Amino acid sequence: MFDWDDLRIFLGAARGRSLGAAAQRLGIDTATVGRRVARLETALKSTLFVRSSTGLQLTAAGAQLFDIALDAEQAMETAARVTRPDLVAGTVRISTAEGFGSAVLAPALPQLAAARPGLRVELAAHAGFLSPSRREVDMAITLSPPDAQRLVVEPLTGYQLALYGAPGYLDRAGRPATVGDLSGLQIVGYIDDLLYASELRYLDEVSPGLTATLASSSIQAQREMIAAAGGVGVLPCFLAAGLERVLPEVLIERRFWLSTHREVHDTARMRVVRAWLRDLVEARRRDLRPC
């Protein structure tokens, strides 16, 4: 038989995909994580991870144990709520798109923390999303509704994107009067083969075949390129402060979806964070959908 707490350490390593990331999340040192995972492997007589250039990868046995461990973790969380079901405490990790996370969620999080001192929120805001179905995160805000039976999925908010440029660049290069005029300007956009969602193919919607002269996998980096007179590009309207909109007829609509793991969907901390998110997007409605 193995130590049940080693299963918790194993889950942290599987989610973090590295011993260091697991140690940071669990509040212990890296050597302890490695030692506990090794002890679990010895007890189970199985190799659970292989190490690669991208970090820890689950073996077939590790993947099977991971699914079992998720159920065990949920059972422990349910047991902990028996005596204090309405306690708003613990960690909520949210995965979201980089721009929305940095421009909308991050500035509002200190107010939530002040109102709920027992709550810890971890914001994973970057290109690509972590999965609540595998409990890498507790919540995910995505560009399309994920299809997983373990998840409760609901629409969060619509938002708009448009074409923007820096006033100085447009003074120098000229303001386009039609979509066809964009061929004479530098275009800023995503790197095609690094797109993690089809919803990010904005340039094809503006004009089929339009390609970026300057490209990045980061929407924040694209915004900085545009602000530094690097060209014209599609940005979420909530990221475009200080920039000039061009071609008003170009308006792209998208929607964010909120998903949570079914087993923790109705916990007190998740209810509080979901309510906070809904209040926040309502308060920022004019930024999200200005047109």
Foldseek 3Di string as FASTA:
>chain_A
DADLVLLVLLLLCALLLALCSSCVVVVHDSVVSVVSPVRVCVVVVHDQWDQDPVGTDGDPVNVVSLVVSVVVVLVVVVVVCPVPQQQQADEFEEEEEQVCCVLFVVVCVVVVCVVRVRYHYHYHYYQDTDDQQSPSGFKYKDQDFDDDPQKDKDFQDKFKKAKWAAPVLCVVQPADPALVCLVSKAEEAADVVPHPDPLRPLVCVSPNPDDHPHHYSHLVVSQVCRNVSVTMYMDTQLSQPNIDGGDVVDMDMTTIMMMGGNSCCPGNNNVVVSVVSNVRCVVCVCSRYVD
